[in-house]
C-alpha atoms as a PDB file:
ATOM      1  CA  MET A   1       0.000   0.000   0.000  1.00  0.00           C
ATOM      2  CA  LEU A   2       1.328   3.461  -0.853  1.00  0.00           C
ATOM      3  CA  ARG A   3       0.534   6.297   1.501  1.00  0.00           C
ATOM      4  CA  ARG A   4       1.006   9.860   0.377  1.00  0.00           C
ATOM      5  CA  VAL A   5       1.505  12.227   3.303  1.00  0.00           C
ATOM      6  CA  ARG A   6       0.974  15.926   2.572  1.00  0.00           C
ATOM      7  CA  ARG A   7       3.846  18.181   3.539  1.00  0.00           C
ATOM      8  CA  LEU A   8       5.100  21.620   2.642  1.00  0.00           C
ATOM      9  CA  GLY A   9       5.530  21.944  -1.110  1.00  0.00           C
ATOM     10  CA  GLY A  10       4.490  18.441  -2.117  1.00  0.00           C
ATOM     11  CA  PHE A  11       4.093  14.884  -0.931  1.00  0.00           C
ATOM     12  CA  PHE A  12       6.310  12.462   0.957  1.00  0.00           C
ATOM     13  CA  GLU A  13       5.678   8.914  -0.259  1.00  0.00           C
ATOM     14  CA  GLN A  14       5.853   5.978   2.081  1.00  0.00           C
ATOM     15  CA  GLU A  15       5.427   2.341   1.151  1.00  0.00           C
ATOM     16  CA  VAL A  16       3.600   0.573   3.945  1.00  0.00           C
ATOM     17  CA  ALA A  17       2.585  -2.981   4.449  1.00  0.00           C
ATOM     18  CA  GLU A  18       1.169  -4.007   7.821  1.00  0.00           C
ATOM     19  CA  VAL A  19       3.164  -2.112  10.440  1.00  0.00           C
ATOM     20  CA  ALA A  20       2.786  -1.197  14.077  1.00  0.00           C
ATOM     21  CA  GLU A  21       1.890   2.259  15.289  1.00  0.00           C
ATOM     22  CA  PHE A  22       4.952   4.493  15.451  1.00  0.00           C
ATOM     23  CA  TRP A  23       5.632   8.190  15.254  1.00  0.00           C
ATOM     24  CA  PHE A  24       8.776   9.292  13.504  1.00  0.00           C
ATOM     25  CA  CYS A  25      10.303  12.576  12.531  1.00  0.00           C
ATOM     26  CA  ALA A  26      11.159  13.114   8.862  1.00  0.00           C
ATOM     27  CA  TYR A  27      13.478  16.005   8.167  1.00  0.00           C
ATOM     28  CA  LEU A  28      12.045  16.992   4.840  1.00  0.00           C
ATOM     29  CA  ASP A  29      13.753  20.227   3.949  1.00  0.00           C
ATOM     30  CA  GLY A  30      16.577  20.395   6.465  1.00  0.00           C
ATOM     31  CA  LEU A  31      14.716  22.942   8.562  1.00  0.00           C
ATOM     32  CA  CYS A  32      11.350  21.590   9.593  1.00  0.00           C
ATOM     33  CA  CYS A  33      10.422  18.294  11.144  1.00  0.00           C
ATOM     34  CA  VAL A  34       7.206  16.582  10.099  1.00  0.00           C
ATOM     35  CA  TRP A  35       5.850  13.906  12.410  1.00  0.00           C
ATOM     36  CA  LEU A  36       4.339  10.970  10.577  1.00  0.00           C
ATOM     37  CA  ARG A  37       2.207   8.228  12.090  1.00  0.00           C
ATOM     38  CA  ILE A  38       2.194   4.666  10.794  1.00  0.00           C
ATOM     39  CA  VAL A  39      -0.585   2.371  11.997  1.00  0.00           C
ATOM     40  CA  SER A  40      -1.149  -1.385  11.882  1.00  0.00           C
ATOM     41  CA  LYS A  41      -2.971  -4.302  13.351  1.00  0.00           C
ATOM     42  CA  GLU A  42       0.017  -6.612  13.825  1.00  0.00           C
ATOM     43  CA  LEU A  43       2.432  -5.260  16.458  1.00  0.00           C
ATOM     44  CA  ASP A  44       3.851  -8.732  17.146  1.00  0.00           C
ATOM     45  CA  ASP A  45       5.215  -9.074  13.611  1.00  0.00           C
ATOM     46  CA  MET A  46       7.584  -6.113  13.860  1.00  0.00           C
ATOM     47  CA  HIS A  47      11.243  -6.600  13.133  1.00  0.00           C
ATOM     48  CA  PRO A  48      13.414  -6.254  16.250  1.00  0.00           C
ATOM     49  CA  LEU A  49      15.439  -3.462  14.588  1.00  0.00           C
ATOM     50  CA  TYR A  50      12.408  -1.480  13.427  1.00  0.00           C
ATOM     51  CA  GLY A  51      12.573   1.120  16.216  1.00  0.00           C
ATOM     52  CA  LYS A  52      16.265   1.811  15.650  1.00  0.00           C
ATOM     53  CA  ALA A  53      15.834   1.879  11.876  1.00  0.00           C
ATOM     54  CA  SER A  54      12.839   4.202  12.067  1.00  0.00           C
ATOM     55  CA  LYS A  55      14.816   6.706  14.135  1.00  0.00           C
ATOM     56  CA  LEU A  56      17.717   6.551  11.667  1.00  0.00           C
ATOM     57  CA  THR A  57      15.645   7.420   8.594  1.00  0.00           C
ATOM     58  CA  GLY A  58      15.366  11.076   9.589  1.00  0.00           C
ATOM     59  CA  GLU A  59      19.153  11.319   9.927  1.00  0.00           C
ATOM     60  CA  ILE A  60      19.686   9.569   6.591  1.00  0.00           C
ATOM     61  CA  ILE A  61      17.232  11.916   4.887  1.00  0.00           C
ATOM     62  CA  ALA A  62      18.986  14.911   6.466  1.00  0.00           C
ATOM     63  CA  ALA A  63      22.314  13.595   5.107  1.00  0.00           C
ATOM     64  CA  ALA A  64      20.771  13.176   1.626  1.00  0.00           C
ATOM     65  CA  ILE A  65      19.475  16.757   1.781  1.00  0.00           C
ATOM     66  CA  GLU A  66      22.982  17.970   2.629  1.00  0.00           C
ATOM     67  CA  VAL A  67      24.514  16.022  -0.267  1.00  0.00           C
ATOM     68  CA  HIS A  68      21.891  17.377  -2.670  1.00  0.00           C
ATOM     69  CA  ARG A  69      22.373  20.930  -1.344  1.00  0.00           C
ATOM     70  CA  ILE A  70      26.112  20.778  -2.054  1.00  0.00           C
ATOM     71  CA  MET A  71      26.188  18.666  -5.231  1.00  0.00           C
ATOM     72  CA  GLY A  72      22.862  19.662  -6.831  1.00  0.00           C
ATOM     73  CA  PRO A  73      20.868  17.526  -9.289  1.00  0.00           C
ATOM     74  CA  GLY A  74      22.107  16.067 -12.578  1.00  0.00           C
ATOM     75  CA  LEU A  75      25.060  13.871 -11.591  1.00  0.00           C
ATOM     76  CA  VAL A  76      25.375  10.094 -11.943  1.00  0.00           C
ATOM     77  CA  GLU A  77      24.167   7.756  -9.199  1.00  0.00           C
ATOM     78  CA  SER A  78      27.637   6.583  -8.195  1.00  0.00           C
ATOM     79  CA  ILE A  79      28.667  10.135  -7.233  1.00  0.00           C
ATOM     80  CA  TYR A  80      25.599  10.618  -5.037  1.00  0.00           C
ATOM     81  CA  GLU A  81      26.107   7.201  -3.491  1.00  0.00           C
ATOM     82  CA  TRP A  82      29.742   7.975  -2.632  1.00  0.00           C
ATOM     83  CA  CYS A  83      28.881  11.435  -1.275  1.00  0.00           C
ATOM     84  CA  LEU A  84      26.052  10.037   0.848  1.00  0.00           C
ATOM     85  CA  ILE A  85      28.340   7.354   2.287  1.00  0.00           C
ATOM     86  CA  LYS A  86      30.898  10.028   3.190  1.00  0.00           C
ATOM     87  CA  GLU A  87      28.222  12.309   4.705  1.00  0.00           C
ATOM     88  CA  LEU A  88      26.854   9.444   6.810  1.00  0.00           C
ATOM     89  CA  GLU A  89      30.367   8.544   7.968  1.00  0.00           C
ATOM     90  CA  LEU A  90      30.974  12.197   8.918  1.00  0.00           C
ATOM     91  CA  ARG A  91      27.841  11.964  11.057  1.00  0.00           C
ATOM     92  CA  GLY A  92      29.229   8.883  12.819  1.00  0.00           C
ATOM     93  CA  PHE A  93      27.206   6.135  11.134  1.00  0.00           C
ATOM     94  CA  HIS A  94      28.593   2.780  10.035  1.00  0.00           C
ATOM     95  CA  THR A  95      27.901   2.004   6.361  1.00  0.00           C
ATOM     96  CA  SER A  96      28.579  -0.913   4.045  1.00  0.00           C
ATOM     97  CA  ASN A  97      27.779  -1.781   0.437  1.00  0.00           C
ATOM     98  CA  GLN A  98      28.414  -5.527   0.309  1.00  0.00           C
ATOM     99  CA  LYS A  99      27.428  -8.421   2.514  1.00  0.00           C
ATOM    100  CA  ASP A 100      27.607 -12.211   2.325  1.00  0.00           C
ATOM    101  CA  VAL A 101      24.125 -13.696   2.555  1.00  0.00           C
ATOM    102  CA  THR A 102      22.669 -17.179   2.431  1.00  0.00           C
ATOM    103  CA  VAL A 103      20.170 -17.507  -0.398  1.00  0.00           C
ATOM    104  CA  ARG A 104      17.602 -20.225   0.245  1.00  0.00           C
ATOM    105  CA  TYR A 105      15.451 -21.829  -2.421  1.00  0.00           C
ATOM    106  CA  LYS A 106      13.305 -24.788  -1.402  1.00  0.00           C
ATOM    107  CA  ALA A 107      15.749 -27.370   0.030  1.00  0.00           C
ATOM    108  CA  PHE A 108      18.824 -25.630  -1.407  1.00  0.00           C
ATOM    109  CA  GLN A 109      21.009 -22.845  -0.135  1.00  0.00           C
ATOM    110  CA  LYS A 110      23.952 -20.907  -1.484  1.00  0.00           C
ATOM    111  CA  GLU A 111      26.328 -18.344  -0.031  1.00  0.00           C
ATOM    112  CA  GLU A 112      26.355 -15.235  -2.178  1.00  0.00           C
ATOM    113  CA  SER A 113      28.098 -11.895  -1.900  1.00  0.00           C
ATOM    114  CA  LEU A 114      25.351  -9.306  -2.325  1.00  0.00           C
ATOM    115  CA  ARG A 115      26.119  -5.780  -3.555  1.00  0.00           C
ATOM    116  CA  TYR A 116      23.757  -2.942  -2.790  1.00  0.00           C
ATOM    117  CA  ASP A 117      24.033   0.840  -2.535  1.00  0.00           C
ATOM    118  CA  ILE A 118      24.241   1.633   1.193  1.00  0.00           C
ATOM    119  CA  LEU A 119      23.406  -0.305   4.350  1.00  0.00           C
ATOM    120  CA  VAL A 120      23.348   2.046   7.362  1.00  0.00           C
ATOM    121  CA  GLU A 121      23.932   0.655  10.872  1.00  0.00           C
ATOM    122  CA  GLU A 122      22.891  -2.837   9.666  1.00  0.00           C
ATOM    123  CA  CYS A 123      19.207  -1.824   9.717  1.00  0.00           C
ATOM    124  CA  VAL A 124      18.350   0.660   6.910  1.00  0.00           C
ATOM    125  CA  LEU A 125      19.022  -0.130   3.249  1.00  0.00           C
ATOM    126  CA  VAL A 126      19.350   2.889   0.945  1.00  0.00           C
ATOM    127  CA  GLU A 127      18.988   2.799  -2.840  1.00  0.00           C
ATOM    128  CA  ALA A 128      20.458   5.970  -4.363  1.00  0.00           C
ATOM    129  CA  LYS A 129      18.953   6.851  -7.745  1.00  0.00           C
ATOM    130  CA  ALA A 130      19.504   9.637 -10.275  1.00  0.00           C
ATOM    131  CA  VAL A 131      16.671   8.953 -12.710  1.00  0.00           C
ATOM    132  CA  GLU A 132      13.806  10.881 -14.272  1.00  0.00           C
ATOM    133  CA  THR A 133      11.244   8.524 -12.684  1.00  0.00           C
ATOM    134  CA  VAL A 134      11.542   5.902  -9.974  1.00  0.00           C
ATOM    135  CA  HIS A 135       9.783   2.834 -11.364  1.00  0.00           C
ATOM    136  CA  PRO A 136       8.122   0.049  -9.359  1.00  0.00           C
ATOM    137  CA  ILE A 137      11.005  -2.298 -10.243  1.00  0.00           C
ATOM    138  CA  HIS A 138      13.416  -0.059  -8.282  1.00  0.00           C
ATOM    139  CA  LYS A 139      11.249  -0.474  -5.190  1.00  0.00           C
ATOM    140  CA  ALA A 140      10.765  -4.201  -5.839  1.00  0.00           C
ATOM    141  CA  LYS A 141      14.538  -4.680  -6.046  1.00  0.00           C
ATOM    142  CA  LEU A 142      15.016  -2.824  -2.766  1.00  0.00           C
ATOM    143  CA  LEU A 143      12.343  -4.958  -1.065  1.00  0.00           C
ATOM    144  CA  SER A 144      14.002  -8.156  -2.345  1.00  0.00           C
ATOM    145  CA  TYR A 145      17.358  -7.032  -0.981  1.00  0.00           C
ATOM    146  CA  MET A 146      15.752  -6.048   2.322  1.00  0.00           C
ATOM    147  CA  LYS A 147      14.401  -9.601   2.636  1.00  0.00           C
ATOM    148  CA  LEU A 148      17.782 -11.179   1.828  1.00  0.00           C
ATOM    149  CA  ILE A 149      19.715  -8.930   4.215  1.00  0.00           C
ATOM    150  CA  ASP A 150      16.929  -8.994   6.846  1.00  0.00           C
ATOM    151  CA  VAL A 151      16.497  -5.249   7.407  1.00  0.00           C
ATOM    152  CA  PRO A 152      13.159  -3.636   8.305  1.00  0.00           C
ATOM    153  CA  ILE A 153      13.339  -0.297   6.444  1.00  0.00           C
ATOM    154  CA  GLY A 154      14.589   0.826   3.053  1.00  0.00           C
ATOM    155  CA  LEU A 155      14.825   4.228   1.410  1.00  0.00           C
ATOM    156  CA  VAL A 156      14.803   4.978  -2.297  1.00  0.00           C
ATOM    157  CA  ILE A 157      16.392   8.422  -2.685  1.00  0.00           C
ATOM    158  CA  ASN A 158      16.187   9.941  -6.157  1.00  0.00           C
ATOM    159  CA  PHE A 159      18.700  12.782  -6.434  1.00  0.00           C
ATOM    160  CA  HIS A 160      17.377  13.743  -9.874  1.00  0.00           C
ATOM    161  CA  GLU A 161      14.843  16.145  -8.352  1.00  0.00           C
ATOM    162  CA  GLU A 162      14.895  19.879  -7.804  1.00  0.00           C
ATOM    163  CA  LYS A 163      14.121  19.135  -4.134  1.00  0.00           C
ATOM    164  CA  VAL A 164      15.513  15.756  -3.114  1.00  0.00           C
ATOM    165  CA  THR A 165      12.682  15.252  -0.622  1.00  0.00           C
ATOM    166  CA  ASP A 166      10.299  14.986  -3.585  1.00  0.00           C
ATOM    167  CA  GLY A 167      12.194  11.837  -4.614  1.00  0.00           C
ATOM    168  CA  ILE A 168      12.174   9.871  -1.359  1.00  0.00           C
ATOM    169  CA  SER A 169      10.185   6.679  -0.791  1.00  0.00           C
ATOM    170  CA  ARG A 170      10.311   4.799   2.514  1.00  0.00           C
ATOM    171  CA  LEU A 171       9.676   1.049   2.328  1.00  0.00           C
ATOM    172  CA  ILE A 172       8.856  -1.032   5.373  1.00  0.00           C
ATOM    173  CA  LEU A 173       9.243  -4.795   5.543  1.00  0.00           C
ATOM    174  CA  PRO A 174       7.145  -6.034   8.478  1.00  0.00           C
ATOM    175  CA  GLY A 175       8.114  -9.206  10.226  1.00  0.00           C
ATOM    176  CA  ALA A 176      11.483  -9.489   8.457  1.00  0.00           C
ATOM    177  CA  GLY A 177      13.461 -12.326   9.975  1.00  0.00           C
ATOM    178  CA  ARG A 178      10.522 -13.708  11.924  1.00  0.00           C
END
């Protein structure tokens, strides 16, 4: 389900499946804080890292705003990805972009080295984009990676926007790892 939350100057998109009730602060333009409420019926299915990850998303968005403010739109994804990693490290966060995972299919399993854009503090997966339009396949890929890595929250951040906050989607994977 896609929820569109009204905010100053546009909408903040949030992908939501069944999630528990939480309030979180989204720093949308670097200056104001908008409190968003997510509601669900199934509190017991929440990922154990959901609370930590939810708190981190505001900081990650603030870092993306800073990168976009300095670099501007129009560059390639790899530059934004590198700049965002450096900005997050400057703010004291641990990041990685590769992890060994066990892929399971029916009775089979295989160890695979998985590459992704940015994993922050082992609980938020970030997909940095620089495209005209974020397509559903971009979000589907992020959700698949979230399942493999077992993280509760993912962010698609499209830097190809005049205001980067117009290009942010927050995906939540309830019950990951349960």
